[in-house]
Amino acid sequence: MTQDEITRNMLRRINEVRAGEVAKRALNEAEERAETPKETAIAITDDPRFGQQVMSTQIRAFRAAVDGGAEFAAADPQNPASSPLIFLPETKNLIFSGSIPSMGNLKFQMQLRSSACGLFIFCTQGTVLSDEALSKLYKLQGFYKSWVEEWNMESADLERLARIIEND
């Protein structure tokens, strides 16, 4: 049984409330998803309409600042959710994500507009918090802060992205 299946089983059991012999669903994930409006995501690529190699520039900067071996999915305009750089026009949010194989395939996601910090990490394997790993995490946090600051200073670029997408 995979870790995902174990987690799903645990959540299913947590969500079941026993009333006599009948088990009722307290939380129905499918209904919640159906009620939540899906925001349109746009994959930001190196297409000149987005600017000069916007995606490649982000990836190069990340690799130079955090980890040269970082991996990023190929941009796919047909499936924006799998792309490393995504723009959400409704909220004017920009999301940048990838993985760091040298840290047990640690996945990261950075959100420009977030009510929380906006830097998220996901570990699918155990990651040893060695001095080297902690150093990379500090670099990741530093890159995130610089990334947010840069995009906030260049807010005209986000407005331009929104206009381009509206006109398509």
N, C-alpha and C. Protein backbone atom coordinates (compact mmCIF):
# COMPACT_ATOMS: atom_id res chain seq x y z
N MET A 1 0.85 -1.17 0.00
CA MET A 1 0.00 0.00 0.00
C MET A 1 0.90 1.24 0.00
N THR A 2 0.62 2.19 -0.91
CA THR A 2 1.44 3.38 -1.00
C THR A 2 1.09 4.37 0.11
N GLN A 3 1.96 5.34 0.29
CA GLN A 3 1.72 6.35 1.31
C GLN A 3 0.46 7.14 0.99
N ASP A 4 0.21 7.38 -0.30
CA ASP A 4 -0.99 8.09 -0.72
C ASP A 4 -2.24 7.30 -0.33
N GLU A 5 -2.23 5.99 -0.57
CA GLU A 5 -3.39 5.16 -0.23
C GLU A 5 -3.61 5.12 1.28
N ILE A 6 -2.54 5.04 2.03
CA ILE A 6 -2.65 5.03 3.50
C ILE A 6 -3.28 6.34 3.97
N THR A 7 -2.82 7.46 3.42
CA THR A 7 -3.35 8.77 3.81
C THR A 7 -4.83 8.88 3.45
N ARG A 8 -5.18 8.44 2.23
CA ARG A 8 -6.59 8.49 1.81
C ARG A 8 -7.47 7.63 2.73
N ASN A 9 -6.99 6.44 3.10
CA ASN A 9 -7.76 5.58 4.01
C ASN A 9 -7.94 6.23 5.36
N MET A 10 -6.87 6.87 5.85
CA MET A 10 -6.97 7.56 7.14
C MET A 10 -7.99 8.69 7.07
N LEU A 11 -7.94 9.48 6.00
CA LEU A 11 -8.89 10.58 5.85
C LEU A 11 -10.32 10.06 5.72
N ARG A 12 -10.50 8.96 4.99
CA ARG A 12 -11.84 8.39 4.85
C ARG A 12 -12.38 7.98 6.22
N ARG A 13 -11.54 7.37 7.03
CA ARG A 13 -11.99 6.93 8.36
C ARG A 13 -12.27 8.11 9.27
N ILE A 14 -11.46 9.13 9.17
CA ILE A 14 -11.69 10.34 9.98
C ILE A 14 -13.02 10.97 9.60
N ASN A 15 -13.32 10.97 8.29
CA ASN A 15 -14.53 11.62 7.80
C ASN A 15 -15.80 10.82 8.04
N GLU A 16 -15.71 9.60 8.50
CA GLU A 16 -16.90 8.78 8.75
C GLU A 16 -17.36 8.97 10.20
N VAL A 17 -18.61 9.27 10.32
CA VAL A 17 -19.19 9.41 11.66
C VAL A 17 -20.19 8.27 11.82
N ARG A 18 -19.97 7.43 12.81
CA ARG A 18 -20.84 6.27 13.02
C ARG A 18 -22.10 6.69 13.79
N ALA A 19 -23.25 6.43 13.17
CA ALA A 19 -24.53 6.69 13.84
C ALA A 19 -25.28 5.36 13.82
N GLY A 20 -25.16 4.60 14.90
CA GLY A 20 -25.74 3.27 14.93
C GLY A 20 -25.02 2.38 13.94
N GLU A 21 -25.75 1.79 13.01
CA GLU A 21 -25.18 0.88 12.02
C GLU A 21 -24.77 1.63 10.75
N VAL A 22 -25.25 2.86 10.60
CA VAL A 22 -25.05 3.59 9.34
C VAL A 22 -23.87 4.55 9.47
N ALA A 23 -22.99 4.47 8.49
CA ALA A 23 -21.86 5.41 8.46
C ALA A 23 -22.21 6.57 7.53
N LYS A 24 -22.11 7.78 8.05
CA LYS A 24 -22.41 8.95 7.24
C LYS A 24 -21.11 9.66 6.89
N ARG A 25 -21.11 10.29 5.78
CA ARG A 25 -19.97 11.09 5.36
C ARG A 25 -20.07 12.47 5.99
N ALA A 26 -19.11 12.83 6.80
CA ALA A 26 -19.10 14.17 7.39
C ALA A 26 -18.55 15.17 6.38
N LEU A 27 -17.54 14.75 5.67
CA LEU A 27 -16.95 15.60 4.65
C LEU A 27 -16.95 14.83 3.35
N ASN A 28 -17.47 15.42 2.32
CA ASN A 28 -17.47 14.75 1.03
C ASN A 28 -16.57 15.53 0.10
N GLU A 29 -15.37 15.02 -0.11
CA GLU A 29 -14.38 15.73 -0.90
C GLU A 29 -14.87 16.00 -2.32
N ALA A 30 -15.57 15.04 -2.92
CA ALA A 30 -16.05 15.23 -4.30
C ALA A 30 -17.01 16.40 -4.38
N GLU A 31 -17.94 16.51 -3.42
CA GLU A 31 -18.88 17.62 -3.42
C GLU A 31 -18.17 18.94 -3.21
N GLU A 32 -17.19 18.95 -2.30
CA GLU A 32 -16.44 20.17 -2.05
C GLU A 32 -15.72 20.63 -3.30
N ARG A 33 -15.10 19.70 -4.01
CA ARG A 33 -14.40 20.05 -5.25
C ARG A 33 -15.37 20.59 -6.29
N ALA A 34 -16.56 19.99 -6.39
CA ALA A 34 -17.54 20.42 -7.38
C ALA A 34 -18.05 21.83 -7.08
N GLU A 35 -18.13 22.18 -5.79
CA GLU A 35 -18.63 23.49 -5.41
C GLU A 35 -17.58 24.58 -5.53
N THR A 36 -16.32 24.20 -5.51
CA THR A 36 -15.24 25.17 -5.58
C THR A 36 -15.00 25.57 -7.02
N PRO A 37 -15.15 26.85 -7.36
CA PRO A 37 -14.90 27.25 -8.74
C PRO A 37 -13.42 27.07 -9.08
N LYS A 38 -13.16 26.54 -10.24
CA LYS A 38 -11.78 26.32 -10.66
C LYS A 38 -11.28 27.58 -11.33
N GLU A 39 -10.13 28.03 -10.89
CA GLU A 39 -9.52 29.20 -11.46
C GLU A 39 -8.75 28.80 -12.72
N THR A 40 -8.81 29.61 -13.73
CA THR A 40 -8.11 29.34 -14.97
C THR A 40 -6.63 29.61 -14.78
N ALA A 41 -5.82 28.63 -15.05
CA ALA A 41 -4.37 28.76 -14.93
C ALA A 41 -3.77 28.87 -16.32
N ILE A 42 -2.76 29.71 -16.45
CA ILE A 42 -2.06 29.90 -17.71
C ILE A 42 -0.60 29.51 -17.50
N ALA A 43 -0.10 28.61 -18.35
CA ALA A 43 1.32 28.22 -18.28
C ALA A 43 2.14 29.35 -18.89
N ILE A 44 3.07 29.89 -18.11
CA ILE A 44 3.97 30.92 -18.63
C ILE A 44 5.17 30.20 -19.23
N THR A 45 5.41 30.45 -20.48
CA THR A 45 6.48 29.78 -21.21
C THR A 45 7.51 30.81 -21.65
N ASP A 46 8.38 30.41 -22.55
CA ASP A 46 9.34 31.34 -23.13
C ASP A 46 8.78 32.03 -24.37
N ASP A 47 7.47 31.90 -24.58
CA ASP A 47 6.81 32.56 -25.70
C ASP A 47 7.06 34.07 -25.59
N PRO A 48 7.48 34.71 -26.67
CA PRO A 48 7.79 36.15 -26.62
C PRO A 48 6.64 37.03 -26.13
N ARG A 49 5.41 36.56 -26.25
CA ARG A 49 4.29 37.39 -25.79
C ARG A 49 4.31 37.58 -24.27
N PHE A 50 5.00 36.69 -23.54
CA PHE A 50 5.11 36.82 -22.09
C PHE A 50 6.33 37.64 -21.68
N GLY A 51 7.21 37.92 -22.60
CA GLY A 51 8.44 38.64 -22.29
C GLY A 51 9.63 37.82 -22.77
N GLN A 52 10.81 38.30 -22.47
CA GLN A 52 12.02 37.60 -22.92
C GLN A 52 12.33 36.41 -22.04
N GLN A 53 12.08 35.24 -22.53
CA GLN A 53 12.40 33.98 -21.87
C GLN A 53 12.10 34.01 -20.38
N VAL A 54 10.86 34.36 -20.05
CA VAL A 54 10.45 34.51 -18.66
C VAL A 54 10.67 33.22 -17.87
N MET A 55 10.20 32.10 -18.42
CA MET A 55 10.32 30.83 -17.67
C MET A 55 11.78 30.41 -17.54
N SER A 56 12.54 30.44 -18.62
CA SER A 56 13.95 30.02 -18.56
C SER A 56 14.76 30.89 -17.61
N THR A 57 14.46 32.17 -17.58
CA THR A 57 15.16 33.09 -16.68
C THR A 57 14.90 32.70 -15.23
N GLN A 58 13.65 32.36 -14.89
CA GLN A 58 13.31 31.95 -13.52
C GLN A 58 14.07 30.68 -13.15
N ILE A 59 14.09 29.73 -14.07
CA ILE A 59 14.74 28.44 -13.80
C ILE A 59 16.25 28.63 -13.63
N ARG A 60 16.87 29.41 -14.51
CA ARG A 60 18.32 29.66 -14.40
C ARG A 60 18.66 30.33 -13.08
N ALA A 61 17.86 31.32 -12.71
CA ALA A 61 18.11 32.05 -11.46
C ALA A 61 17.99 31.10 -10.26
N PHE A 62 16.99 30.22 -10.28
CA PHE A 62 16.81 29.28 -9.18
C PHE A 62 18.00 28.34 -9.08
N ARG A 63 18.39 27.78 -10.22
CA ARG A 63 19.51 26.84 -10.21
C ARG A 63 20.80 27.50 -9.73
N ALA A 64 21.01 28.75 -10.10
CA ALA A 64 22.22 29.46 -9.68
C ALA A 64 22.20 29.78 -8.19
N ALA A 65 21.03 30.09 -7.66
CA ALA A 65 20.94 30.53 -6.27
C ALA A 65 20.73 29.39 -5.27
N VAL A 66 20.02 28.33 -5.67
CA VAL A 66 19.64 27.30 -4.70
C VAL A 66 20.32 25.96 -4.97
N ASP A 67 20.08 25.37 -6.14
CA ASP A 67 20.62 24.05 -6.44
C ASP A 67 20.70 23.87 -7.96
N GLY A 68 21.90 23.65 -8.45
CA GLY A 68 22.12 23.49 -9.88
C GLY A 68 21.43 22.28 -10.48
N GLY A 69 21.09 21.30 -9.66
CA GLY A 69 20.44 20.09 -10.14
C GLY A 69 18.93 20.12 -10.03
N ALA A 70 18.37 21.26 -9.68
CA ALA A 70 16.91 21.36 -9.54
C ALA A 70 16.25 20.98 -10.86
N GLU A 71 15.10 20.32 -10.74
CA GLU A 71 14.38 19.87 -11.93
C GLU A 71 13.04 20.58 -12.02
N PHE A 72 12.65 20.84 -13.26
CA PHE A 72 11.39 21.52 -13.54
C PHE A 72 10.69 20.79 -14.67
N ALA A 73 9.38 20.67 -14.57
CA ALA A 73 8.61 20.03 -15.63
C ALA A 73 8.65 20.90 -16.88
N ALA A 74 8.42 20.28 -18.01
CA ALA A 74 8.33 21.06 -19.25
C ALA A 74 7.02 21.83 -19.23
N ALA A 75 7.06 23.06 -19.71
CA ALA A 75 5.85 23.87 -19.77
C ALA A 75 4.87 23.24 -20.75
N ASP A 76 3.63 23.13 -20.34
CA ASP A 76 2.61 22.52 -21.18
C ASP A 76 1.36 23.41 -21.17
N PRO A 77 1.17 24.23 -22.22
CA PRO A 77 0.00 25.11 -22.27
C PRO A 77 -1.33 24.35 -22.19
N GLN A 78 -1.33 23.07 -22.60
CA GLN A 78 -2.55 22.27 -22.54
C GLN A 78 -2.86 21.79 -21.12
N ASN A 79 -1.82 21.69 -20.29
CA ASN A 79 -1.97 21.25 -18.90
C ASN A 79 -1.17 22.20 -18.01
N PRO A 80 -1.68 23.40 -17.81
CA PRO A 80 -0.91 24.41 -17.07
C PRO A 80 -0.51 23.99 -15.66
N ALA A 81 -1.32 23.17 -15.01
CA ALA A 81 -1.03 22.78 -13.63
C ALA A 81 0.30 22.04 -13.51
N SER A 82 0.76 21.42 -14.58
CA SER A 82 2.02 20.68 -14.52
C SER A 82 3.21 21.55 -14.92
N SER A 83 2.98 22.78 -15.32
CA SER A 83 4.05 23.67 -15.75
C SER A 83 4.76 24.30 -14.56
N PRO A 84 6.04 24.63 -14.70
CA PRO A 84 6.77 25.19 -13.56
C PRO A 84 6.39 26.63 -13.21
N LEU A 85 5.90 27.38 -14.19
CA LEU A 85 5.54 28.78 -13.93
C LEU A 85 4.11 28.99 -14.43
N ILE A 86 3.23 29.33 -13.49
CA ILE A 86 1.81 29.43 -13.79
C ILE A 86 1.30 30.81 -13.34
N PHE A 87 0.44 31.39 -14.15
CA PHE A 87 -0.19 32.66 -13.82
C PHE A 87 -1.68 32.43 -13.67
N LEU A 88 -2.26 32.92 -12.57
CA LEU A 88 -3.69 32.83 -12.33
C LEU A 88 -4.27 34.23 -12.49
N PRO A 89 -4.89 34.50 -13.64
CA PRO A 89 -5.33 35.88 -13.94
C PRO A 89 -6.37 36.44 -12.98
N GLU A 90 -7.26 35.61 -12.45
CA GLU A 90 -8.31 36.12 -11.57
C GLU A 90 -7.73 36.74 -10.29
N THR A 91 -6.70 36.13 -9.76
CA THR A 91 -6.10 36.63 -8.52
C THR A 91 -4.76 37.32 -8.76
N LYS A 92 -4.33 37.32 -10.02
CA LYS A 92 -3.02 37.87 -10.39
C LYS A 92 -1.90 37.23 -9.56
N ASN A 93 -2.05 35.93 -9.36
CA ASN A 93 -1.07 35.17 -8.60
C ASN A 93 -0.13 34.45 -9.56
N LEU A 94 1.11 34.36 -9.19
CA LEU A 94 2.11 33.67 -9.97
C LEU A 94 2.63 32.53 -9.10
N ILE A 95 2.75 31.33 -9.70
CA ILE A 95 3.20 30.16 -8.95
C ILE A 95 4.38 29.55 -9.69
N PHE A 96 5.45 29.29 -8.95
CA PHE A 96 6.68 28.71 -9.49
C PHE A 96 6.97 27.44 -8.70
N SER A 97 7.19 26.32 -9.39
CA SER A 97 7.41 25.07 -8.68
C SER A 97 8.39 24.16 -9.40
N GLY A 98 8.97 23.26 -8.63
CA GLY A 98 9.92 22.30 -9.16
C GLY A 98 10.32 21.33 -8.07
N SER A 99 11.44 20.63 -8.29
CA SER A 99 11.91 19.68 -7.28
C SER A 99 13.42 19.72 -7.18
N ILE A 100 13.91 19.25 -6.04
CA ILE A 100 15.35 19.20 -5.78
C ILE A 100 15.71 17.74 -5.50
N PRO A 101 16.21 17.03 -6.53
CA PRO A 101 16.52 15.60 -6.37
C PRO A 101 17.54 15.31 -5.27
N SER A 102 18.50 16.19 -5.06
CA SER A 102 19.54 15.93 -4.05
C SER A 102 19.00 15.97 -2.62
N MET A 103 17.75 16.38 -2.48
CA MET A 103 17.11 16.42 -1.16
C MET A 103 15.94 15.44 -1.11
N GLY A 104 16.12 14.26 -1.70
CA GLY A 104 15.07 13.25 -1.69
C GLY A 104 13.87 13.65 -2.53
N ASN A 105 14.13 14.32 -3.65
CA ASN A 105 13.07 14.82 -4.54
C ASN A 105 12.11 15.76 -3.83
N LEU A 106 12.64 16.57 -2.94
CA LEU A 106 11.84 17.58 -2.26
C LEU A 106 11.19 18.47 -3.31
N LYS A 107 9.89 18.61 -3.22
CA LYS A 107 9.16 19.47 -4.15
C LYS A 107 8.89 20.80 -3.45
N PHE A 108 8.96 21.86 -4.22
CA PHE A 108 8.70 23.18 -3.67
C PHE A 108 7.69 23.91 -4.55
N GLN A 109 7.00 24.85 -3.94
CA GLN A 109 6.08 25.72 -4.66
C GLN A 109 6.14 27.09 -4.03
N MET A 110 6.25 28.09 -4.88
CA MET A 110 6.28 29.47 -4.42
C MET A 110 5.06 30.19 -4.99
N GLN A 111 4.34 30.88 -4.13
CA GLN A 111 3.19 31.65 -4.57
C GLN A 111 3.46 33.12 -4.28
N LEU A 112 3.27 33.93 -5.31
CA LEU A 112 3.51 35.36 -5.15
C LEU A 112 2.49 35.98 -4.21
N ARG A 113 1.25 35.65 -4.40
CA ARG A 113 0.17 36.18 -3.55
C ARG A 113 -0.34 35.04 -2.68
N SER A 114 -0.03 35.11 -1.42
CA SER A 114 -0.46 34.07 -0.49
C SER A 114 -0.73 34.70 0.86
N SER A 115 -1.77 34.22 1.53
CA SER A 115 -2.07 34.75 2.86
C SER A 115 -1.05 34.26 3.88
N ALA A 116 -0.41 33.14 3.57
CA ALA A 116 0.65 32.62 4.43
C ALA A 116 1.99 33.09 3.85
N CYS A 117 3.03 32.40 4.19
CA CYS A 117 4.36 32.75 3.72
C CYS A 117 4.44 32.68 2.20
N GLY A 118 3.85 31.66 1.60
CA GLY A 118 3.89 31.52 0.15
C GLY A 118 4.96 30.59 -0.36
N LEU A 119 5.79 30.06 0.54
CA LEU A 119 6.81 29.07 0.17
C LEU A 119 6.41 27.75 0.81
N PHE A 120 6.20 26.75 -0.04
CA PHE A 120 5.76 25.45 0.44
C PHE A 120 6.73 24.38 -0.02
N ILE A 121 7.03 23.42 0.88
CA ILE A 121 7.86 22.28 0.50
C ILE A 121 7.09 21.01 0.80
N PHE A 122 7.32 20.01 -0.05
CA PHE A 122 6.63 18.73 0.08
C PHE A 122 7.67 17.63 -0.01
N CYS A 123 7.73 16.80 1.01
CA CYS A 123 8.69 15.70 1.04
C CYS A 123 7.94 14.39 0.83
N THR A 124 8.30 13.66 -0.21
CA THR A 124 7.67 12.36 -0.43
C THR A 124 8.53 11.26 0.17
N GLN A 125 9.79 11.54 0.36
CA GLN A 125 10.72 10.61 1.00
C GLN A 125 11.28 11.31 2.23
N GLY A 126 11.84 10.56 3.11
CA GLY A 126 12.48 11.19 4.25
C GLY A 126 13.69 12.01 3.79
N THR A 127 13.81 13.19 4.32
CA THR A 127 14.94 14.05 4.00
C THR A 127 15.74 14.28 5.27
N VAL A 128 17.00 13.94 5.22
CA VAL A 128 17.88 14.14 6.37
C VAL A 128 18.23 15.62 6.44
N LEU A 129 18.01 16.21 7.60
CA LEU A 129 18.30 17.64 7.76
C LEU A 129 19.76 17.84 8.16
N SER A 130 20.62 17.53 7.23
CA SER A 130 22.05 17.74 7.44
C SER A 130 22.34 19.24 7.29
N ASP A 131 23.58 19.61 7.59
CA ASP A 131 23.97 21.01 7.40
C ASP A 131 23.79 21.44 5.95
N GLU A 132 24.12 20.53 5.02
CA GLU A 132 23.98 20.84 3.59
C GLU A 132 22.50 21.04 3.22
N ALA A 133 21.63 20.16 3.73
CA ALA A 133 20.20 20.28 3.44
C ALA A 133 19.63 21.56 4.03
N LEU A 134 20.01 21.87 5.26
CA LEU A 134 19.54 23.11 5.89
C LEU A 134 20.03 24.33 5.13
N SER A 135 21.26 24.28 4.66
CA SER A 135 21.80 25.37 3.85
C SER A 135 20.96 25.58 2.60
N LYS A 136 20.57 24.48 1.94
CA LYS A 136 19.74 24.59 0.74
C LYS A 136 18.36 25.15 1.08
N LEU A 137 17.81 24.74 2.23
CA LEU A 137 16.51 25.27 2.63
C LEU A 137 16.59 26.78 2.90
N TYR A 138 17.69 27.21 3.50
CA TYR A 138 17.87 28.66 3.71
C TYR A 138 18.02 29.37 2.38
N LYS A 139 18.73 28.76 1.45
CA LYS A 139 18.87 29.34 0.11
C LYS A 139 17.51 29.41 -0.58
N LEU A 140 16.71 28.36 -0.42
CA LEU A 140 15.37 28.33 -1.00
C LEU A 140 14.52 29.47 -0.44
N GLN A 141 14.59 29.65 0.86
CA GLN A 141 13.84 30.73 1.50
C GLN A 141 14.34 32.10 1.01
N GLY A 142 15.64 32.25 0.91
CA GLY A 142 16.21 33.51 0.41
C GLY A 142 15.81 33.78 -1.02
N PHE A 143 15.82 32.73 -1.85
CA PHE A 143 15.40 32.90 -3.24
C PHE A 143 13.94 33.31 -3.29
N TYR A 144 13.11 32.68 -2.46
CA TYR A 144 11.68 33.03 -2.44
C TYR A 144 11.49 34.51 -2.10
N LYS A 145 12.17 34.98 -1.08
CA LYS A 145 12.03 36.39 -0.68
C LYS A 145 12.45 37.32 -1.81
N SER A 146 13.56 37.00 -2.47
CA SER A 146 14.03 37.82 -3.60
C SER A 146 13.05 37.75 -4.77
N TRP A 147 12.52 36.55 -5.02
CA TRP A 147 11.58 36.33 -6.12
C TRP A 147 10.33 37.19 -5.92
N VAL A 148 9.78 37.18 -4.71
CA VAL A 148 8.59 37.98 -4.41
C VAL A 148 8.91 39.46 -4.57
N GLU A 149 10.02 39.88 -4.03
CA GLU A 149 10.40 41.29 -4.11
C GLU A 149 10.56 41.72 -5.57
N GLU A 150 11.22 40.90 -6.36
CA GLU A 150 11.43 41.21 -7.78
C GLU A 150 10.11 41.33 -8.54
N TRP A 151 9.22 40.35 -8.33
CA TRP A 151 7.95 40.40 -9.05
C TRP A 151 7.07 41.54 -8.54
N ASN A 152 7.14 41.86 -7.26
CA ASN A 152 6.35 42.98 -6.75
C ASN A 152 6.86 44.30 -7.31
N MET A 153 8.17 44.43 -7.47
CA MET A 153 8.73 45.65 -8.08
C MET A 153 8.35 45.72 -9.55
N GLU A 154 8.22 44.57 -10.17
CA GLU A 154 7.87 44.51 -11.60
C GLU A 154 6.38 44.22 -11.76
N SER A 155 5.55 44.82 -10.92
CA SER A 155 4.11 44.54 -10.98
C SER A 155 3.52 44.88 -12.33
N ALA A 156 4.17 45.78 -13.07
CA ALA A 156 3.71 46.11 -14.41
C ALA A 156 3.77 44.87 -15.30
N ASP A 157 4.75 43.98 -15.05
CA ASP A 157 4.84 42.74 -15.83
C ASP A 157 3.63 41.85 -15.58
N LEU A 158 3.18 41.77 -14.33
CA LEU A 158 2.00 40.97 -14.03
C LEU A 158 0.76 41.57 -14.68
N GLU A 159 0.65 42.89 -14.66
CA GLU A 159 -0.48 43.55 -15.31
C GLU A 159 -0.44 43.28 -16.82
N ARG A 160 0.77 43.29 -17.39
CA ARG A 160 0.93 43.02 -18.82
C ARG A 160 0.50 41.58 -19.12
N LEU A 161 0.91 40.64 -18.26
CA LEU A 161 0.50 39.25 -18.44
C LEU A 161 -1.02 39.13 -18.41
N ALA A 162 -1.65 39.81 -17.47
CA ALA A 162 -3.10 39.75 -17.36
C ALA A 162 -3.77 40.30 -18.61
N ARG A 163 -3.24 41.41 -19.15
CA ARG A 163 -3.82 41.99 -20.37
C ARG A 163 -3.63 41.06 -21.56
N ILE A 164 -2.46 40.44 -21.68
CA ILE A 164 -2.20 39.52 -22.78
C ILE A 164 -3.19 38.38 -22.74
N ILE A 165 -3.41 37.85 -21.56
CA ILE A 165 -4.29 36.69 -21.40
C ILE A 165 -5.74 37.09 -21.67
N GLU A 166 -6.14 38.27 -21.21
CA GLU A 166 -7.50 38.75 -21.47
C GLU A 166 -7.76 38.89 -22.96
N ASN A 167 -6.73 39.32 -23.71
CA ASN A 167 -6.89 39.56 -25.16
C ASN A 167 -6.85 38.28 -25.97
N ASP A 168 -6.40 37.17 -25.38
CA ASP A 168 -6.34 35.90 -26.13
C ASP A 168 -7.69 35.26 -26.28
